[in-house]
Amino acid sequence: VYAPAFPTRTAEIELIEGEIVAYEQSTPVELEVPLEEGRSPAGAPEP
């Protein structure tokens, strides 16, 4: 949390309100694209 204009004599933050968000599942994914082979007709690598 960053407050760029904090009162100079204030010794306490009275309240910080926020939230955290979580999902039921989290899956690591690693994608690998060969850049020299499997190019599309336009010359770009295939997705």
PDB file of all heavy atoms in Angstrom:
ATOM      1  N   VAL A   1       0.869  -1.171   0.000  1.00  0.00           N
ATOM      2  CA  VAL A   1       0.000   0.000   0.000  1.00  0.00           C
ATOM      3  C   VAL A   1       0.905   1.220   0.000  1.00  0.00           C
ATOM      4  O   VAL A   1       1.817   1.314   0.827  1.00  0.00           O
ATOM      5  CB  VAL A   1      -0.905   0.053   1.249  1.00  0.00           C
ATOM      6  CG1 VAL A   1      -1.915   1.184   1.114  1.00  0.00           C
ATOM      7  CG2 VAL A   1      -1.596  -1.274   1.485  1.00  0.00           C
ATOM      8  N   TYR A   2       0.684   2.156  -0.905  1.00  0.00           N
ATOM      9  CA  TYR A   2       1.526   3.347  -1.000  1.00  0.00           C
ATOM     10  C   TYR A   2       0.652   4.592  -0.938  1.00  0.00           C
ATOM     11  O   TYR A   2      -0.297   4.739  -1.713  1.00  0.00           O
ATOM     12  CB  TYR A   2       2.318   3.328  -2.303  1.00  0.00           C
ATOM     13  CG  TYR A   2       3.223   4.532  -2.495  1.00  0.00           C
ATOM     14  CD1 TYR A   2       4.395   4.655  -1.761  1.00  0.00           C
ATOM     15  CD2 TYR A   2       2.909   5.534  -3.404  1.00  0.00           C
ATOM     16  CE1 TYR A   2       5.231   5.748  -1.921  1.00  0.00           C
ATOM     17  CE2 TYR A   2       3.731   6.626  -3.582  1.00  0.00           C
ATOM     18  CZ  TYR A   2       4.895   6.727  -2.836  1.00  0.00           C
ATOM     19  OH  TYR A   2       5.714   7.817  -3.003  1.00  0.00           O
ATOM     20  N   ALA A   3       0.942   5.473   0.023  1.00  0.00           N
ATOM     21  CA  ALA A   3       0.248   6.755   0.167  1.00  0.00           C
ATOM     22  C   ALA A   3       1.237   7.869  -0.118  1.00  0.00           C
ATOM     23  O   ALA A   3       2.135   8.133   0.702  1.00  0.00           O
ATOM     24  CB  ALA A   3      -0.338   6.891   1.572  1.00  0.00           C
ATOM     25  N   PRO A   4       1.148   8.551  -1.250  1.00  0.00           N
ATOM     26  CA  PRO A   4       2.158   9.546  -1.637  1.00  0.00           C
ATOM     27  C   PRO A   4       2.029  10.888  -0.938  1.00  0.00           C
ATOM     28  O   PRO A   4       2.937  11.707  -1.044  1.00  0.00           O
ATOM     29  CB  PRO A   4       1.918   9.701  -3.144  1.00  0.00           C
ATOM     30  CG  PRO A   4       0.477   9.375  -3.336  1.00  0.00           C
ATOM     31  CD  PRO A   4       0.146   8.329  -2.309  1.00  0.00           C
ATOM     32  N   ALA A   5       0.923  11.143  -0.232  1.00  0.00           N
ATOM     33  CA  ALA A   5       0.740  12.422   0.459  1.00  0.00           C
ATOM     34  C   ALA A   5       0.214  12.147   1.859  1.00  0.00           C
ATOM     35  O   ALA A   5      -0.932  12.465   2.183  1.00  0.00           O
ATOM     36  CB  ALA A   5      -0.208  13.323  -0.320  1.00  0.00           C
ATOM     37  N   PHE A   6       1.076  11.580   2.698  1.00  0.00           N
ATOM     38  CA  PHE A   6       0.684  11.211   4.053  1.00  0.00           C
ATOM     39  C   PHE A   6       0.863  12.410   4.983  1.00  0.00           C
ATOM     40  O   PHE A   6       1.892  13.095   4.922  1.00  0.00           O
ATOM     41  CB  PHE A   6       1.560  10.048   4.537  1.00  0.00           C
ATOM     42  CG  PHE A   6       0.968   9.275   5.675  1.00  0.00           C
ATOM     43  CD1 PHE A   6       0.123   8.201   5.446  1.00  0.00           C
ATOM     44  CD2 PHE A   6       1.271   9.606   6.987  1.00  0.00           C
ATOM     45  CE1 PHE A   6      -0.420   7.471   6.491  1.00  0.00           C
ATOM     46  CE2 PHE A   6       0.733   8.897   8.045  1.00  0.00           C
ATOM     47  CZ  PHE A   6      -0.114   7.822   7.799  1.00  0.00           C
ATOM     48  N   PRO A   7      -0.117  12.722   5.884  1.00  0.00           N
ATOM     49  CA  PRO A   7       0.025  13.866   6.801  1.00  0.00           C
ATOM     50  C   PRO A   7       1.301  13.749   7.640  1.00  0.00           C
ATOM     51  O   PRO A   7       1.615  12.688   8.177  1.00  0.00           O
ATOM     52  CB  PRO A   7      -1.231  13.769   7.678  1.00  0.00           C
ATOM     53  CG  PRO A   7      -2.221  13.016   6.851  1.00  0.00           C
ATOM     54  CD  PRO A   7      -1.417  12.035   6.052  1.00  0.00           C
ATOM     55  N   THR A   8       2.030  14.845   7.774  1.00  0.00           N
ATOM     56  CA  THR A   8       3.362  14.785   8.373  1.00  0.00           C
ATOM     57  C   THR A   8       3.355  14.479   9.866  1.00  0.00           C
ATOM     58  O   THR A   8       4.356  13.994  10.397  1.00  0.00           O
ATOM     59  CB  THR A   8       4.108  16.113   8.136  1.00  0.00           C
ATOM     60  OG1 THR A   8       3.329  17.192   8.657  1.00  0.00           O
ATOM     61  CG2 THR A   8       4.352  16.329   6.655  1.00  0.00           C
ATOM     62  N   ARG A   9       2.267  14.769  10.576  1.00  0.00           N
ATOM     63  CA  ARG A   9       2.247  14.538  12.027  1.00  0.00           C
ATOM     64  C   ARG A   9       1.399  13.338  12.437  1.00  0.00           C
ATOM     65  O   ARG A   9       1.227  13.100  13.626  1.00  0.00           O
ATOM     66  CB  ARG A   9       1.719  15.786  12.745  1.00  0.00           C
ATOM     67  CG  ARG A   9       2.484  17.059  12.452  1.00  0.00           C
ATOM     68  CD  ARG A   9       3.910  16.994  12.940  1.00  0.00           C
ATOM     69  NE  ARG A   9       4.674  18.180  12.577  1.00  0.00           N
ATOM     70  CZ  ARG A   9       5.968  18.327  12.804  1.00  0.00           C
ATOM     71  NH1 ARG A   9       6.634  17.358  13.388  1.00  0.00           N
ATOM     72  NH2 ARG A   9       6.599  19.428  12.435  1.00  0.00           N
ATOM     73  N   THR A  10       0.885  12.616  11.502  1.00  0.00           N
ATOM     74  CA  THR A  10       0.007  11.494  11.822  1.00  0.00           C
ATOM     75  C   THR A  10       0.823  10.253  12.162  1.00  0.00           C
ATOM     76  O   THR A  10       1.738   9.877  11.427  1.00  0.00           O
ATOM     77  CB  THR A  10      -0.924  11.194  10.632  1.00  0.00           C
ATOM     78  OG1 THR A  10      -1.743  12.342  10.394  1.00  0.00           O
ATOM     79  CG2 THR A  10      -1.816   9.994  10.914  1.00  0.00           C
ATOM     80  N   ALA A  11       0.511   9.624  13.287  1.00  0.00           N
ATOM     81  CA  ALA A  11       1.291   8.494  13.785  1.00  0.00           C
ATOM     82  C   ALA A  11       0.581   7.158  13.616  1.00  0.00           C
ATOM     83  O   ALA A  11       1.059   6.140  14.123  1.00  0.00           O
ATOM     84  CB  ALA A  11       1.622   8.698  15.267  1.00  0.00           C
ATOM     85  N   GLU A  12      -0.544   7.141  12.904  1.00  0.00           N
ATOM     86  CA  GLU A  12      -1.287   5.890  12.795  1.00  0.00           C
ATOM     87  C   GLU A  12      -2.188   5.916  11.567  1.00  0.00           C
ATOM     88  O   GLU A  12      -2.765   6.944  11.221  1.00  0.00           O
ATOM     89  CB  GLU A  12      -2.144   5.680  14.046  1.00  0.00           C
ATOM     90  CG  GLU A  12      -2.989   4.415  14.021  1.00  0.00           C
ATOM     91  CD  GLU A  12      -3.905   4.320  15.232  1.00  0.00           C
ATOM     92  OE1 GLU A  12      -5.038   4.863  15.176  1.00  0.00           O
ATOM     93  OE2 GLU A  12      -3.490   3.707  16.233  1.00  0.00           O
ATOM     94  N   ILE A  13      -2.255   4.779  10.889  1.00  0.00           N
ATOM     95  CA  ILE A  13      -3.281   4.570   9.873  1.00  0.00           C
ATOM     96  C   ILE A  13      -4.470   3.931  10.586  1.00  0.00           C
ATOM     97  O   ILE A  13      -4.348   2.865  11.185  1.00  0.00           O
ATOM     98  CB  ILE A  13      -2.784   3.658   8.742  1.00  0.00           C
ATOM     99  CG1 ILE A  13      -1.604   4.310   8.020  1.00  0.00           C
ATOM    100  CG2 ILE A  13      -3.912   3.360   7.755  1.00  0.00           C
ATOM    101  CD1 ILE A  13      -0.972   3.424   6.969  1.00  0.00           C
ATOM    102  N   GLU A  14      -5.588   4.607  10.544  1.00  0.00           N
ATOM    103  CA  GLU A  14      -6.747   4.123  11.298  1.00  0.00           C
ATOM    104  C   GLU A  14      -7.362   2.875  10.671  1.00  0.00           C
ATOM    105  O   GLU A  14      -7.780   1.949  11.371  1.00  0.00           O
ATOM    106  CB  GLU A  14      -7.802   5.224  11.390  1.00  0.00           C
ATOM    107  CG  GLU A  14      -8.938   4.888  12.337  1.00  0.00           C
ATOM    108  CD  GLU A  14      -9.795   6.093  12.649  1.00  0.00           C
ATOM    109  OE1 GLU A  14     -10.752   6.325  11.886  1.00  0.00           O
ATOM    110  OE2 GLU A  14      -9.498   6.808  13.630  1.00  0.00           O
ATOM    111  N   LEU A  15      -7.393   2.807   9.332  1.00  0.00           N
ATOM    112  CA  LEU A  15      -8.064   1.682   8.684  1.00  0.00           C
ATOM    113  C   LEU A  15      -7.531   1.481   7.273  1.00  0.00           C
ATOM    114  O   LEU A  15      -7.362   2.444   6.518  1.00  0.00           O
ATOM    115  CB  LEU A  15      -9.576   1.934   8.627  1.00  0.00           C
ATOM    116  CG  LEU A  15     -10.432   0.874   7.942  1.00  0.00           C
ATOM    117  CD1 LEU A  15     -10.380  -0.440   8.715  1.00  0.00           C
ATOM    118  CD2 LEU A  15     -11.875   1.354   7.798  1.00  0.00           C
ATOM    119  N   ILE A  16      -7.244   0.220   6.940  1.00  0.00           N
ATOM    120  CA  ILE A  16      -6.943  -0.190   5.569  1.00  0.00           C
ATOM    121  C   ILE A  16      -7.988  -1.220   5.168  1.00  0.00           C
ATOM    122  O   ILE A  16      -8.154  -2.242   5.841  1.00  0.00           O
ATOM    123  CB  ILE A  16      -5.538  -0.801   5.438  1.00  0.00           C
ATOM    124  CG1 ILE A  16      -4.470   0.215   5.830  1.00  0.00           C
ATOM    125  CG2 ILE A  16      -5.290  -1.306   4.021  1.00  0.00           C
ATOM    126  CD1 ILE A  16      -3.083  -0.386   5.935  1.00  0.00           C
ATOM    127  N   GLU A  17      -8.701  -0.952   4.094  1.00  0.00           N
ATOM    128  CA  GLU A  17      -9.723  -1.876   3.605  1.00  0.00           C
ATOM    129  C   GLU A  17      -9.284  -2.475   2.275  1.00  0.00           C
ATOM    130  O   GLU A  17      -8.804  -1.763   1.391  1.00  0.00           O
ATOM    131  CB  GLU A  17     -11.060  -1.156   3.427  1.00  0.00           C
ATOM    132  CG  GLU A  17     -11.646  -0.627   4.727  1.00  0.00           C
ATOM    133  CD  GLU A  17     -12.961   0.089   4.512  1.00  0.00           C
ATOM    134  OE1 GLU A  17     -12.905   1.249   4.062  1.00  0.00           O
ATOM    135  OE2 GLU A  17     -14.014  -0.508   4.791  1.00  0.00           O
ATOM    136  N   GLY A  18      -9.434  -3.775   2.152  1.00  0.00           N
ATOM    137  CA  GLY A  18      -9.049  -4.440   0.919  1.00  0.00           C
ATOM    138  C   GLY A  18      -9.667  -5.809   0.817  1.00  0.00           C
ATOM    139  O   GLY A  18     -10.551  -6.185   1.591  1.00  0.00           O
ATOM    140  N   GLU A  19      -9.170  -6.580  -0.140  1.00  0.00           N
ATOM    141  CA  GLU A  19      -9.646  -7.948  -0.308  1.00  0.00           C
ATOM    142  C   GLU A  19      -8.584  -8.772  -1.013  1.00  0.00           C
ATOM    143  O   GLU A  19      -7.732  -8.239  -1.738  1.00  0.00           O
ATOM    144  CB  GLU A  19     -10.953  -7.981  -1.119  1.00  0.00           C
ATOM    145  CG  GLU A  19     -10.795  -7.535  -2.557  1.00  0.00           C
ATOM    146  CD  GLU A  19     -12.113  -7.495  -3.318  1.00  0.00           C
ATOM    147  OE1 GLU A  19     -13.171  -7.398  -2.669  1.00  0.00           O
ATOM    148  OE2 GLU A  19     -12.081  -7.562  -4.561  1.00  0.00           O
ATOM    149  N   ILE A  20      -8.599 -10.070  -0.759  1.00  0.00           N
ATOM    150  CA  ILE A  20      -7.788 -11.009  -1.515  1.00  0.00           C
ATOM    151  C   ILE A  20      -8.729 -11.929  -2.276  1.00  0.00           C
ATOM    152  O   ILE A  20      -9.847 -12.199  -1.834  1.00  0.00           O
ATOM    153  CB  ILE A  20      -6.817 -11.806  -0.616  1.00  0.00           C
ATOM    154  CG1 ILE A  20      -7.557 -12.493   0.519  1.00  0.00           C
ATOM    155  CG2 ILE A  20      -5.707 -10.931  -0.093  1.00  0.00           C
ATOM    156  CD1 ILE A  20      -6.657 -13.354   1.388  1.00  0.00           C
ATOM    157  N   VAL A  21      -8.281 -12.370  -3.451  1.00  0.00           N
ATOM    158  CA  VAL A  21      -9.110 -13.201  -4.328  1.00  0.00           C
ATOM    159  C   VAL A  21      -8.394 -14.527  -4.542  1.00  0.00           C
ATOM    160  O   VAL A  21      -7.186 -14.565  -4.823  1.00  0.00           O
ATOM    161  CB  VAL A  21      -9.355 -12.500  -5.677  1.00  0.00           C
ATOM    162  CG1 VAL A  21     -10.196 -13.385  -6.589  1.00  0.00           C
ATOM    163  CG2 VAL A  21     -10.037 -11.155  -5.459  1.00  0.00           C
ATOM    164  N   ALA A  22      -9.124 -15.614  -4.395  1.00  0.00           N
ATOM    165  CA  ALA A  22      -8.567 -16.945  -4.574  1.00  0.00           C
ATOM    166  C   ALA A  22      -9.494 -17.767  -5.466  1.00  0.00           C
ATOM    167  O   ALA A  22     -10.712 -17.570  -5.462  1.00  0.00           O
ATOM    168  CB  ALA A  22      -8.376 -17.646  -3.233  1.00  0.00           C
ATOM    169  N   TYR A  23      -8.896 -18.682  -6.216  1.00  0.00           N
ATOM    170  CA  TYR A  23      -9.666 -19.587  -7.062  1.00  0.00           C
ATOM    171  C   TYR A  23      -9.510 -21.021  -6.553  1.00  0.00           C
ATOM    172  O   TYR A  23      -8.523 -21.365  -5.903  1.00  0.00           O
ATOM    173  CB  TYR A  23      -9.216 -19.478  -8.518  1.00  0.00           C
ATOM    174  CG  TYR A  23      -9.714 -18.229  -9.190  1.00  0.00           C
ATOM    175  CD1 TYR A  23      -9.058 -17.018  -9.004  1.00  0.00           C
ATOM    176  CD2 TYR A  23     -10.862 -18.244  -9.964  1.00  0.00           C
ATOM    177  CE1 TYR A  23      -9.530 -15.856  -9.602  1.00  0.00           C
ATOM    178  CE2 TYR A  23     -11.337 -17.089 -10.563  1.00  0.00           C
ATOM    179  CZ  TYR A  23     -10.669 -15.901 -10.381  1.00  0.00           C
ATOM    180  OH  TYR A  23     -11.138 -14.757 -10.958  1.00  0.00           O
ATOM    181  N   GLU A  24     -10.502 -21.840  -6.890  1.00  0.00           N
ATOM    182  CA  GLU A  24     -10.551 -23.204  -6.368  1.00  0.00           C
ATOM    183  C   GLU A  24      -9.363 -24.033  -6.843  1.00  0.00           C
ATOM    184  O   GLU A  24      -8.820 -24.845  -6.104  1.00  0.00           O
ATOM    185  CB  GLU A  24     -11.861 -23.860  -6.800  1.00  0.00           C
ATOM    186  CG  GLU A  24     -12.103 -25.238  -6.222  1.00  0.00           C
ATOM    187  CD  GLU A  24     -13.430 -25.802  -6.675  1.00  0.00           C
ATOM    188  OE1 GLU A  24     -13.943 -25.373  -7.724  1.00  0.00           O
ATOM    189  OE2 GLU A  24     -13.955 -26.674  -5.962  1.00  0.00           O
ATOM    190  N   GLN A  25      -8.933 -23.820  -8.084  1.00  0.00           N
ATOM    191  CA  GLN A  25      -7.856 -24.620  -8.659  1.00  0.00           C
ATOM    192  C   GLN A  25      -6.796 -23.715  -9.275  1.00  0.00           C
ATOM    193  O   GLN A  25      -7.112 -22.648  -9.811  1.00  0.00           O
ATOM    194  CB  GLN A  25      -8.394 -25.584  -9.720  1.00  0.00           C
ATOM    195  CG  GLN A  25      -9.362 -26.615  -9.171  1.00  0.00           C
ATOM    196  CD  GLN A  25      -9.927 -27.510 -10.261  1.00  0.00           C
ATOM    197  OE1 GLN A  25     -10.036 -27.093 -11.411  1.00  0.00           O
ATOM    198  NE2 GLN A  25     -10.277 -28.726  -9.914  1.00  0.00           N
ATOM    199  N   SER A  26      -5.561 -24.170  -9.226  1.00  0.00           N
ATOM    200  CA  SER A  26      -4.439 -23.450  -9.824  1.00  0.00           C
ATOM    201  C   SER A  26      -3.533 -24.468 -10.508  1.00  0.00           C
ATOM    202  O   SER A  26      -2.976 -25.349  -9.851  1.00  0.00           O
ATOM    203  CB  SER A  26      -3.670 -22.670  -8.760  1.00  0.00           C
ATOM    204  OG  SER A  26      -2.650 -21.895  -9.335  1.00  0.00           O
ATOM    205  N   THR A  27      -3.402 -24.368 -11.819  1.00  0.00           N
ATOM    206  CA  THR A  27      -2.662 -25.356 -12.603  1.00  0.00           C
ATOM    207  C   THR A  27      -1.444 -24.716 -13.250  1.00  0.00           C
ATOM    208  O   THR A  27      -1.598 -23.785 -14.053  1.00  0.00           O
ATOM    209  CB  THR A  27      -3.564 -25.958 -13.699  1.00  0.00           C
ATOM    210  OG1 THR A  27      -4.747 -26.488 -13.104  1.00  0.00           O
ATOM    211  CG2 THR A  27      -2.834 -27.049 -14.465  1.00  0.00           C
ATOM    212  N   PRO A  28      -0.218 -25.190 -12.956  1.00  0.00           N
ATOM    213  CA  PRO A  28       0.962 -24.678 -13.672  1.00  0.00           C
ATOM    214  C   PRO A  28       0.916 -25.123 -15.133  1.00  0.00           C
ATOM    215  O   PRO A  28       0.584 -26.272 -15.440  1.00  0.00           O
ATOM    216  CB  PRO A  28       2.141 -25.318 -12.931  1.00  0.00           C
ATOM    217  CG  PRO A  28       1.572 -25.850 -11.652  1.00  0.00           C
ATOM    218  CD  PRO A  28       0.140 -26.163 -11.919  1.00  0.00           C
ATOM    219  N   VAL A  29       1.235 -24.212 -16.029  1.00  0.00           N
ATOM    220  CA  VAL A  29       1.240 -24.517 -17.464  1.00  0.00           C
ATOM    221  C   VAL A  29       2.567 -24.054 -18.052  1.00  0.00           C
ATOM    222  O   VAL A  29       2.993 -22.920 -17.811  1.00  0.00           O
ATOM    223  CB  VAL A  29       0.066 -23.827 -18.193  1.00  0.00           C
ATOM    224  CG1 VAL A  29       0.101 -24.145 -19.685  1.00  0.00           C
ATOM    225  CG2 VAL A  29      -1.266 -24.235 -17.590  1.00  0.00           C
ATOM    226  N   GLU A  30       3.208 -24.932 -18.809  1.00  0.00           N
ATOM    227  CA  GLU A  30       4.432 -24.570 -19.531  1.00  0.00           C
ATOM    228  C   GLU A  30       4.210 -24.819 -21.013  1.00  0.00           C
ATOM    229  O   GLU A  30       3.915 -25.933 -21.434  1.00  0.00           O
ATOM    230  CB  GLU A  30       5.625 -25.376 -19.031  1.00  0.00           C
ATOM    231  CG  GLU A  30       6.932 -24.987 -19.717  1.00  0.00           C
ATOM    232  CD  GLU A  30       8.136 -25.687 -19.109  1.00  0.00           C
ATOM    233  OE1 GLU A  30       8.570 -25.263 -18.027  1.00  0.00           O
ATOM    234  OE2 GLU A  30       8.618 -26.656 -19.730  1.00  0.00           O
ATOM    235  N   LEU A  31       4.324 -23.766 -21.795  1.00  0.00           N
ATOM    236  CA  LEU A  31       4.116 -23.833 -23.246  1.00  0.00           C
ATOM    237  C   LEU A  31       5.445 -23.639 -23.964  1.00  0.00           C
ATOM    238  O   LEU A  31       6.231 -22.770 -23.592  1.00  0.00           O
ATOM    239  CB  LEU A  31       3.125 -22.749 -23.685  1.00  0.00           C
ATOM    240  CG  LEU A  31       1.722 -22.859 -23.065  1.00  0.00           C
ATOM    241  CD1 LEU A  31       1.026 -21.523 -23.092  1.00  0.00           C
ATOM    242  CD2 LEU A  31       0.901 -23.893 -23.792  1.00  0.00           C
ATOM    243  N   GLU A  32       5.678 -24.441 -24.994  1.00  0.00           N
ATOM    244  CA  GLU A  32       6.951 -24.399 -25.708  1.00  0.00           C
ATOM    245  C   GLU A  32       6.689 -24.312 -27.205  1.00  0.00           C
ATOM    246  O   GLU A  32       5.971 -25.137 -27.772  1.00  0.00           O
ATOM    247  CB  GLU A  32       7.772 -25.643 -25.372  1.00  0.00           C
ATOM    248  CG  GLU A  32       9.208 -25.582 -25.822  1.00  0.00           C
ATOM    249  CD  GLU A  32      10.021 -26.730 -25.264  1.00  0.00           C
ATOM    250  OE1 GLU A  32      10.365 -26.693 -24.061  1.00  0.00           O
ATOM    251  OE2 GLU A  32      10.294 -27.676 -26.038  1.00  0.00           O
ATOM    252  N   VAL A  33       7.274 -23.308 -27.845  1.00  0.00           N
ATOM    253  CA  VAL A  33       7.083 -23.085 -29.278  1.00  0.00           C
ATOM    254  C   VAL A  33       8.410 -23.238 -30.008  1.00  0.00           C
ATOM    255  O   VAL A  33       9.364 -22.498 -29.714  1.00  0.00           O
ATOM    256  CB  VAL A  33       6.519 -21.673 -29.553  1.00  0.00           C
ATOM    257  CG1 VAL A  33       6.298 -21.464 -31.044  1.00  0.00           C
ATOM    258  CG2 VAL A  33       5.232 -21.461 -28.798  1.00  0.00           C
ATOM    259  N   PRO A  34       8.522 -24.182 -30.953  1.00  0.00           N
ATOM    260  CA  PRO A  34       9.733 -24.242 -31.781  1.00  0.00           C
ATOM    261  C   PRO A  34       9.725 -23.096 -32.789  1.00  0.00           C
ATOM    262  O   PRO A  34       8.733 -22.874 -33.486  1.00  0.00           O
ATOM    263  CB  PRO A  34       9.623 -25.610 -32.469  1.00  0.00           C
ATOM    264  CG  PRO A  34       8.180 -25.944 -32.443  1.00  0.00           C
ATOM    265  CD  PRO A  34       7.582 -25.268 -31.245  1.00  0.00           C
ATOM    266  N   LEU A  35      10.815 -22.370 -32.859  1.00  0.00           N
ATOM    267  CA  LEU A  35      10.878 -21.200 -33.728  1.00  0.00           C
ATOM    268  C   LEU A  35      11.457 -21.506 -35.097  1.00  0.00           C
ATOM    269  O   LEU A  35      11.355 -20.687 -36.011  1.00  0.00           O
ATOM    270  CB  LEU A  35      11.701 -20.095 -33.065  1.00  0.00           C
ATOM    271  CG  LEU A  35      11.170 -19.580 -31.724  1.00  0.00           C
ATOM    272  CD1 LEU A  35      12.098 -18.518 -31.156  1.00  0.00           C
ATOM    273  CD2 LEU A  35       9.760 -19.032 -31.865  1.00  0.00           C
ATOM    274  N   GLU A  36      12.076 -22.683 -35.266  1.00  0.00           N
ATOM    275  CA  GLU A  36      12.723 -23.003 -36.535  1.00  0.00           C
ATOM    276  C   GLU A  36      11.897 -23.943 -37.394  1.00  0.00           C
ATOM    277  O   GLU A  36      12.083 -24.010 -38.597  1.00  0.00           O
ATOM    278  CB  GLU A  36      14.092 -23.640 -36.268  1.00  0.00           C
ATOM    279  CG  GLU A  36      15.084 -22.680 -35.627  1.00  0.00           C
ATOM    280  CD  GLU A  36      16.455 -23.306 -35.483  1.00  0.00           C
ATOM    281  OE1 GLU A  36      16.516 -24.494 -35.151  1.00  0.00           O
ATOM    282  OE2 GLU A  36      17.439 -22.600 -35.732  1.00  0.00           O
ATOM    283  N   GLU A  37      10.971 -24.699 -36.770  1.00  0.00           N
ATOM    284  CA  GLU A  37      10.179 -25.676 -37.508  1.00  0.00           C
ATOM    285  C   GLU A  37       8.696 -25.390 -37.322  1.00  0.00           C
ATOM    286  O   GLU A  37       8.285 -24.670 -36.419  1.00  0.00           O
ATOM    287  CB  GLU A  37      10.505 -27.088 -37.030  1.00  0.00           C
ATOM    288  CG  GLU A  37      11.974 -27.462 -37.174  1.00  0.00           C
ATOM    289  CD  GLU A  37      12.256 -28.831 -36.586  1.00  0.00           C
ATOM    290  OE1 GLU A  37      11.309 -29.445 -36.065  1.00  0.00           O
ATOM    291  OE2 GLU A  37      13.404 -29.275 -36.667  1.00  0.00           O
ATOM    292  N   GLY A  38       7.889 -26.023 -38.180  1.00  0.00           N
ATOM    293  CA  GLY A  38       6.445 -25.951 -38.034  1.00  0.00           C
ATOM    294  C   GLY A  38       5.877 -24.565 -38.270  1.00  0.00           C
ATOM    295  O   GLY A  38       4.887 -24.195 -37.653  1.00  0.00           O
ATOM    296  N   ARG A  39       6.478 -23.827 -39.192  1.00  0.00           N
ATOM    297  CA  ARG A  39       5.969 -22.477 -39.440  1.00  0.00           C
ATOM    298  C   ARG A  39       4.704 -22.529 -40.294  1.00  0.00           C
ATOM    299  O   ARG A  39       4.518 -23.411 -41.123  1.00  0.00           O
ATOM    300  CB  ARG A  39       7.033 -21.631 -40.153  1.00  0.00           C
ATOM    301  CG  ARG A  39       8.215 -21.287 -39.257  1.00  0.00           C
ATOM    302  CD  ARG A  39       9.250 -20.469 -40.019  1.00  0.00           C
ATOM    303  NE  ARG A  39      10.327 -20.065 -39.131  1.00  0.00           N
ATOM    304  CZ  ARG A  39      10.329 -18.933 -38.443  1.00  0.00           C
ATOM    305  NH1 ARG A  39       9.318 -18.119 -38.544  1.00  0.00           N
ATOM    306  NH2 ARG A  39      11.336 -18.624 -37.653  1.00  0.00           N
ATOM    307  N   SER A  40       3.846 -21.553 -40.069  1.00  0.00           N
ATOM    308  CA  SER A  40       2.625 -21.429 -40.860  1.00  0.00           C
ATOM    309  C   SER A  40       2.970 -20.875 -42.241  1.00  0.00           C
ATOM    310  O   SER A  40       4.080 -20.402 -42.473  1.00  0.00           O
ATOM    311  CB  SER A  40       1.651 -20.498 -40.144  1.00  0.00           C
ATOM    312  OG  SER A  40       2.158 -19.168 -40.155  1.00  0.00           O
ATOM    313  N   PRO A  41       1.998 -20.919 -43.195  1.00  0.00           N
ATOM    314  CA  PRO A  41       2.279 -20.352 -44.522  1.00  0.00           C
ATOM    315  C   PRO A  41       2.709 -18.892 -44.472  1.00  0.00           C
ATOM    316  O   PRO A  41       3.434 -18.423 -45.335  1.00  0.00           O
ATOM    317  CB  PRO A  41       0.930 -20.519 -45.248  1.00  0.00           C
ATOM    318  CG  PRO A  41       0.281 -21.690 -44.584  1.00  0.00           C
ATOM    319  CD  PRO A  41       0.705 -21.598 -43.139  1.00  0.00           C
ATOM    320  N   ALA A  42       2.254 -18.169 -43.445  1.00  0.00           N
ATOM    321  CA  ALA A  42       2.635 -16.754 -43.339  1.00  0.00           C
ATOM    322  C   ALA A  42       4.043 -16.578 -42.786  1.00  0.00           C
ATOM    323  O   ALA A  42       4.546 -15.452 -42.732  1.00  0.00           O
ATOM    324  CB  ALA A  42       1.640 -16.020 -42.450  1.00  0.00           C
ATOM    325  N   GLY A  43       4.680 -17.663 -42.367  1.00  0.00           N
ATOM    326  CA  GLY A  43       6.048 -17.586 -41.867  1.00  0.00           C
ATOM    327  C   GLY A  43       6.174 -17.556 -40.372  1.00  0.00           C
ATOM    328  O   GLY A  43       7.283 -17.650 -39.840  1.00  0.00           O
ATOM    329  N   ALA A  44       5.071 -17.411 -39.635  1.00  0.00           N
ATOM    330  CA  ALA A  44       5.122 -17.381 -38.173  1.00  0.00           C
ATOM    331  C   ALA A  44       5.043 -18.804 -37.629  1.00  0.00           C
ATOM    332  O   ALA A  44       4.493 -19.701 -38.274  1.00  0.00           O
ATOM    333  CB  ALA A  44       3.971 -16.549 -37.631  1.00  0.00           C
ATOM    334  N   PRO A  45       5.587 -19.046 -36.427  1.00  0.00           N
ATOM    335  CA  PRO A  45       5.461 -20.382 -35.826  1.00  0.00           C
ATOM    336  C   PRO A  45       3.995 -20.737 -35.601  1.00  0.00           C
ATOM    337  O   PRO A  45       3.163 -19.874 -35.326  1.00  0.00           O
ATOM    338  CB  PRO A  45       6.206 -20.233 -34.495  1.00  0.00           C
ATOM    339  CG  PRO A  45       7.079 -19.046 -34.663  1.00  0.00           C
ATOM    340  CD  PRO A  45       6.358 -18.128 -35.593  1.00  0.00           C
ATOM    341  N   GLU A  46       3.684 -22.018 -35.735  1.00  0.00           N
ATOM    342  CA  GLU A  46       2.327 -22.475 -35.470  1.00  0.00           C
ATOM    343  C   GLU A  46       2.000 -22.295 -33.990  1.00  0.00           C
ATOM    344  O   GLU A  46       2.848 -22.541 -33.127  1.00  0.00           O
ATOM    345  CB  GLU A  46       2.186 -23.947 -35.847  1.00  0.00           C
ATOM    346  CG  GLU A  46       2.273 -24.223 -37.339  1.00  0.00           C
ATOM    347  CD  GLU A  46       0.993 -23.857 -38.069  1.00  0.00           C
ATOM    348  OE1 GLU A  46       0.029 -23.413 -37.408  1.00  0.00           O
ATOM    349  OE2 GLU A  46       0.966 -23.997 -39.301  1.00  0.00           O
ATOM    350  N   PRO A  47       0.779 -21.876 -33.668  1.00  0.00           N
ATOM    351  CA  PRO A  47       0.383 -21.775 -32.257  1.00  0.00           C
ATOM    352  C   PRO A  47       0.433 -23.148 -31.582  1.00  0.00           C
ATOM    353  O   PRO A  47       0.273 -24.178 -32.234  1.00  0.00           O
ATOM    354  CB  PRO A  47      -1.055 -21.243 -32.329  1.00  0.00           C
ATOM    355  CG  PRO A  47      -1.167 -20.607 -33.684  1.00  0.00           C
ATOM    356  CD  PRO A  47      -0.276 -21.402 -34.585  1.00  0.00           C
TER     357      PRO A  47
END
